[in-house]
């Protein structure tokens, strides 16, 4: 199973949380870009892009399997999106 390591992290982390902790229902995964790694000419950079893609897909699969809705946001758009969702300015979201 691809998520075996993440399940171990989840179990280890959940033991540290107090019982009155709120349930996690949503997660936003922030990505540097949504480029297709195959389109990157440099093999070293392409390998890093594939690593990022794999990490995001495994994390997203794990979260969704645990009933947590996920959304991927590009890093450069993260503060603007948070500002809209939280009804705050970009500057207040950065603090």
N, C-alpha and C. Protein backbone atom coordinates (compact mmCIF):
# COMPACT_ATOMS: atom_id res chain seq x y z
N UNK A 1 0.84 -1.19 0.00
CA UNK A 1 0.00 0.00 0.00
C UNK A 1 0.89 1.25 0.00
N UNK A 2 0.61 2.19 -0.90
CA UNK A 2 1.42 3.40 -1.02
C UNK A 2 1.35 4.29 0.20
N UNK A 3 0.30 4.20 0.96
CA UNK A 3 0.09 5.13 2.08
C UNK A 3 0.56 4.57 3.41
N UNK A 4 1.27 3.46 3.42
CA UNK A 4 1.70 2.85 4.67
C UNK A 4 2.47 3.79 5.58
N UNK A 5 3.42 4.53 5.03
CA UNK A 5 4.21 5.47 5.84
C UNK A 5 3.34 6.60 6.37
N UNK A 6 2.42 7.07 5.55
CA UNK A 6 1.54 8.15 6.01
C UNK A 6 0.60 7.66 7.10
N UNK A 7 0.15 6.42 7.02
CA UNK A 7 -0.71 5.90 8.08
C UNK A 7 0.05 5.85 9.40
N UNK A 8 1.33 5.49 9.36
CA UNK A 8 2.14 5.46 10.57
C UNK A 8 2.26 6.87 11.15
N UNK A 9 2.51 7.85 10.29
CA UNK A 9 2.60 9.24 10.75
C UNK A 9 1.27 9.66 11.36
N UNK A 10 0.17 9.31 10.70
CA UNK A 10 -1.16 9.66 11.20
C UNK A 10 -1.38 9.06 12.59
N UNK A 11 -1.04 7.82 12.78
CA UNK A 11 -1.23 7.17 14.09
C UNK A 11 -0.35 7.82 15.15
N UNK A 12 0.91 8.08 14.80
CA UNK A 12 1.82 8.70 15.76
C UNK A 12 1.35 10.09 16.14
N UNK A 13 0.88 10.85 15.16
CA UNK A 13 0.43 12.22 15.41
C UNK A 13 -0.85 12.23 16.22
N UNK A 14 -1.79 11.35 15.90
CA UNK A 14 -3.08 11.37 16.60
C UNK A 14 -2.93 11.03 18.07
N UNK A 15 -1.92 10.29 18.44
CA UNK A 15 -1.70 9.98 19.86
C UNK A 15 -1.27 11.21 20.64
N UNK A 16 -0.71 12.20 19.96
CA UNK A 16 -0.23 13.41 20.62
C UNK A 16 -1.32 14.47 20.76
N UNK A 17 -2.43 14.30 20.07
CA UNK A 17 -3.48 15.31 20.08
C UNK A 17 -4.42 15.11 21.27
N UNK A 18 -4.82 16.21 21.92
CA UNK A 18 -5.79 16.06 23.00
C UNK A 18 -7.14 15.59 22.46
N UNK A 19 -7.91 14.87 23.28
CA UNK A 19 -9.19 14.31 22.79
C UNK A 19 -10.18 15.36 22.32
N UNK A 20 -10.09 16.59 22.84
CA UNK A 20 -11.05 17.62 22.45
C UNK A 20 -10.66 18.35 21.17
N UNK A 21 -9.62 17.89 20.48
CA UNK A 21 -9.16 18.51 19.24
C UNK A 21 -10.26 18.43 18.18
N UNK A 22 -10.38 19.49 17.40
CA UNK A 22 -11.36 19.52 16.34
C UNK A 22 -11.01 18.51 15.24
N UNK A 23 -12.02 17.99 14.59
CA UNK A 23 -11.80 17.05 13.50
C UNK A 23 -11.34 17.82 12.26
N UNK A 24 -10.41 17.25 11.53
CA UNK A 24 -9.94 17.83 10.28
C UNK A 24 -10.89 17.38 9.18
N UNK A 25 -11.44 18.33 8.44
CA UNK A 25 -12.39 18.00 7.39
C UNK A 25 -11.90 18.40 6.01
N UNK A 26 -10.99 19.38 5.98
CA UNK A 26 -10.47 19.89 4.70
C UNK A 26 -8.96 20.10 4.81
N UNK A 27 -8.29 19.93 3.69
CA UNK A 27 -6.85 20.21 3.64
C UNK A 27 -6.54 20.85 2.29
N UNK A 28 -5.69 21.85 2.33
CA UNK A 28 -5.24 22.49 1.10
C UNK A 28 -3.77 22.12 0.92
N UNK A 29 -3.46 21.54 -0.22
CA UNK A 29 -2.10 21.18 -0.55
C UNK A 29 -1.53 22.29 -1.43
N UNK A 30 -0.45 22.90 -0.99
CA UNK A 30 0.15 24.00 -1.72
C UNK A 30 1.28 23.45 -2.59
N UNK A 31 1.17 23.68 -3.89
CA UNK A 31 2.15 23.18 -4.85
C UNK A 31 2.88 24.35 -5.50
N UNK A 32 4.14 24.11 -5.82
CA UNK A 32 4.92 25.14 -6.50
C UNK A 32 4.38 25.44 -7.89
N UNK A 33 3.88 24.42 -8.55
CA UNK A 33 3.30 24.59 -9.89
C UNK A 33 2.47 23.36 -10.22
N UNK A 34 1.76 23.43 -11.31
CA UNK A 34 1.00 22.28 -11.80
C UNK A 34 1.54 21.85 -13.16
N UNK A 35 2.83 22.11 -13.39
CA UNK A 35 3.46 21.69 -14.64
C UNK A 35 3.46 20.18 -14.78
N UNK A 36 3.39 19.73 -16.00
CA UNK A 36 3.56 18.31 -16.28
C UNK A 36 5.06 18.03 -16.21
N UNK A 37 5.53 17.23 -15.26
CA UNK A 37 6.97 16.97 -15.13
C UNK A 37 7.61 16.47 -16.42
N UNK A 38 6.86 15.75 -17.24
CA UNK A 38 7.42 15.23 -18.50
C UNK A 38 7.81 16.36 -19.45
N UNK A 39 7.27 17.55 -19.25
CA UNK A 39 7.58 18.68 -20.14
C UNK A 39 8.87 19.40 -19.75
N UNK A 40 9.49 19.01 -18.66
CA UNK A 40 10.71 19.66 -18.18
C UNK A 40 11.92 19.00 -18.84
N UNK A 41 12.75 19.78 -19.51
CA UNK A 41 13.87 19.24 -20.29
C UNK A 41 15.01 18.71 -19.41
N UNK A 42 15.35 19.42 -18.36
CA UNK A 42 16.48 19.03 -17.51
C UNK A 42 16.10 17.79 -16.70
N UNK A 43 16.83 16.67 -16.86
CA UNK A 43 16.44 15.44 -16.17
C UNK A 43 16.48 15.53 -14.64
N UNK A 44 17.42 16.30 -14.11
CA UNK A 44 17.50 16.44 -12.65
C UNK A 44 16.28 17.20 -12.10
N UNK A 45 15.95 18.29 -12.74
CA UNK A 45 14.78 19.09 -12.32
C UNK A 45 13.50 18.29 -12.55
N UNK A 46 13.45 17.56 -13.67
CA UNK A 46 12.28 16.73 -13.96
C UNK A 46 12.07 15.69 -12.86
N UNK A 47 13.16 15.08 -12.38
CA UNK A 47 13.05 14.09 -11.30
C UNK A 47 12.46 14.72 -10.05
N UNK A 48 12.90 15.94 -9.71
CA UNK A 48 12.33 16.62 -8.54
C UNK A 48 10.84 16.92 -8.75
N UNK A 49 10.48 17.29 -9.96
CA UNK A 49 9.06 17.57 -10.26
C UNK A 49 8.22 16.31 -10.10
N UNK A 50 8.75 15.16 -10.55
CA UNK A 50 8.04 13.89 -10.36
C UNK A 50 7.92 13.53 -8.88
N UNK A 51 8.97 13.82 -8.10
CA UNK A 51 8.90 13.58 -6.65
C UNK A 51 7.77 14.38 -6.02
N UNK A 52 7.70 15.66 -6.37
CA UNK A 52 6.63 16.51 -5.83
C UNK A 52 5.26 16.02 -6.23
N UNK A 53 5.12 15.62 -7.48
CA UNK A 53 3.84 15.10 -7.97
C UNK A 53 3.45 13.82 -7.22
N UNK A 54 4.41 12.93 -7.02
CA UNK A 54 4.14 11.69 -6.29
C UNK A 54 3.75 11.99 -4.85
N UNK A 55 4.49 12.87 -4.18
CA UNK A 55 4.18 13.21 -2.80
C UNK A 55 2.76 13.77 -2.68
N UNK A 56 2.42 14.73 -3.56
CA UNK A 56 1.07 15.31 -3.51
C UNK A 56 0.00 14.27 -3.76
N UNK A 57 0.23 13.38 -4.74
CA UNK A 57 -0.81 12.40 -5.06
C UNK A 57 -1.00 11.39 -3.92
N UNK A 58 0.09 10.96 -3.28
CA UNK A 58 -0.02 10.02 -2.16
C UNK A 58 -0.69 10.70 -0.97
N UNK A 59 -0.29 11.94 -0.68
CA UNK A 59 -0.90 12.67 0.43
C UNK A 59 -2.39 12.91 0.18
N UNK A 60 -2.73 13.30 -1.04
CA UNK A 60 -4.13 13.53 -1.38
C UNK A 60 -4.95 12.25 -1.27
N UNK A 61 -4.40 11.14 -1.76
CA UNK A 61 -5.07 9.84 -1.67
C UNK A 61 -5.31 9.45 -0.21
N UNK A 62 -4.30 9.63 0.62
CA UNK A 62 -4.40 9.30 2.03
C UNK A 62 -5.49 10.14 2.72
N UNK A 63 -5.45 11.44 2.49
CA UNK A 63 -6.42 12.33 3.13
C UNK A 63 -7.84 11.99 2.69
N UNK A 64 -8.04 11.79 1.39
CA UNK A 64 -9.38 11.47 0.90
C UNK A 64 -9.87 10.13 1.43
N UNK A 65 -8.96 9.17 1.59
CA UNK A 65 -9.34 7.87 2.15
C UNK A 65 -9.81 8.00 3.59
N UNK A 66 -9.40 9.08 4.26
CA UNK A 66 -9.81 9.33 5.63
C UNK A 66 -10.92 10.39 5.72
N UNK A 67 -11.62 10.60 4.59
CA UNK A 67 -12.77 11.50 4.57
C UNK A 67 -12.42 12.98 4.63
N UNK A 68 -11.21 13.33 4.27
CA UNK A 68 -10.79 14.73 4.31
C UNK A 68 -10.77 15.26 2.88
N UNK A 69 -11.61 16.27 2.63
CA UNK A 69 -11.68 16.90 1.31
C UNK A 69 -10.38 17.65 1.04
N UNK A 70 -9.82 17.50 -0.16
CA UNK A 70 -8.56 18.17 -0.48
C UNK A 70 -8.72 19.09 -1.68
N UNK A 71 -7.85 20.08 -1.71
CA UNK A 71 -7.78 21.02 -2.82
C UNK A 71 -6.31 21.36 -3.02
N UNK A 72 -5.89 21.47 -4.27
CA UNK A 72 -4.51 21.85 -4.57
C UNK A 72 -4.52 23.32 -5.00
N UNK A 73 -3.64 24.09 -4.38
CA UNK A 73 -3.52 25.52 -4.69
C UNK A 73 -2.07 25.78 -5.09
N UNK A 74 -1.89 26.58 -6.13
CA UNK A 74 -0.55 26.97 -6.56
C UNK A 74 -0.01 27.99 -5.55
N UNK A 75 1.26 27.85 -5.20
CA UNK A 75 1.87 28.67 -4.14
C UNK A 75 1.67 30.16 -4.36
N UNK A 76 1.86 30.63 -5.58
CA UNK A 76 1.75 32.07 -5.83
C UNK A 76 0.33 32.59 -5.62
N UNK A 77 -0.67 31.70 -5.65
CA UNK A 77 -2.07 32.10 -5.47
C UNK A 77 -2.59 31.83 -4.05
N UNK A 78 -1.77 31.24 -3.19
CA UNK A 78 -2.24 30.76 -1.89
C UNK A 78 -2.78 31.89 -1.00
N UNK A 79 -2.05 33.01 -0.87
CA UNK A 79 -2.51 34.08 0.01
C UNK A 79 -3.78 34.74 -0.52
N UNK A 80 -3.86 34.94 -1.82
CA UNK A 80 -5.05 35.55 -2.39
C UNK A 80 -6.28 34.66 -2.18
N UNK A 81 -6.09 33.35 -2.35
CA UNK A 81 -7.20 32.41 -2.14
C UNK A 81 -7.61 32.38 -0.66
N UNK A 82 -6.61 32.37 0.23
CA UNK A 82 -6.91 32.38 1.67
C UNK A 82 -7.64 33.66 2.05
N UNK A 83 -7.23 34.77 1.48
CA UNK A 83 -7.88 36.05 1.79
C UNK A 83 -9.36 36.02 1.42
N UNK A 84 -9.67 35.44 0.28
CA UNK A 84 -11.07 35.33 -0.15
C UNK A 84 -11.84 34.41 0.80
N UNK A 85 -11.27 33.24 1.08
CA UNK A 85 -11.94 32.26 1.95
C UNK A 85 -12.16 32.81 3.36
N UNK A 86 -11.16 33.52 3.89
CA UNK A 86 -11.22 34.02 5.27
C UNK A 86 -11.81 35.42 5.38
N UNK A 87 -12.11 36.02 4.22
CA UNK A 87 -12.64 37.39 4.17
C UNK A 87 -11.70 38.36 4.90
N UNK A 88 -10.42 38.27 4.55
CA UNK A 88 -9.37 39.13 5.12
C UNK A 88 -8.49 39.64 3.98
N UNK A 89 -7.64 40.59 4.29
CA UNK A 89 -6.69 41.07 3.27
C UNK A 89 -5.55 40.07 3.12
N UNK A 90 -4.87 40.14 1.99
CA UNK A 90 -3.69 39.29 1.77
C UNK A 90 -2.68 39.51 2.88
N UNK A 91 -2.49 40.76 3.28
CA UNK A 91 -1.49 41.11 4.30
C UNK A 91 -1.82 40.43 5.64
N UNK A 92 -3.09 40.42 6.02
CA UNK A 92 -3.46 39.80 7.30
C UNK A 92 -3.28 38.28 7.24
N UNK A 93 -3.42 37.69 6.06
CA UNK A 93 -3.22 36.24 5.93
C UNK A 93 -1.76 35.87 6.03
N UNK A 94 -0.87 36.79 5.71
CA UNK A 94 0.56 36.51 5.74
C UNK A 94 1.13 36.57 7.15
N UNK A 95 0.40 37.12 8.08
CA UNK A 95 0.90 37.27 9.46
C UNK A 95 0.81 35.96 10.20
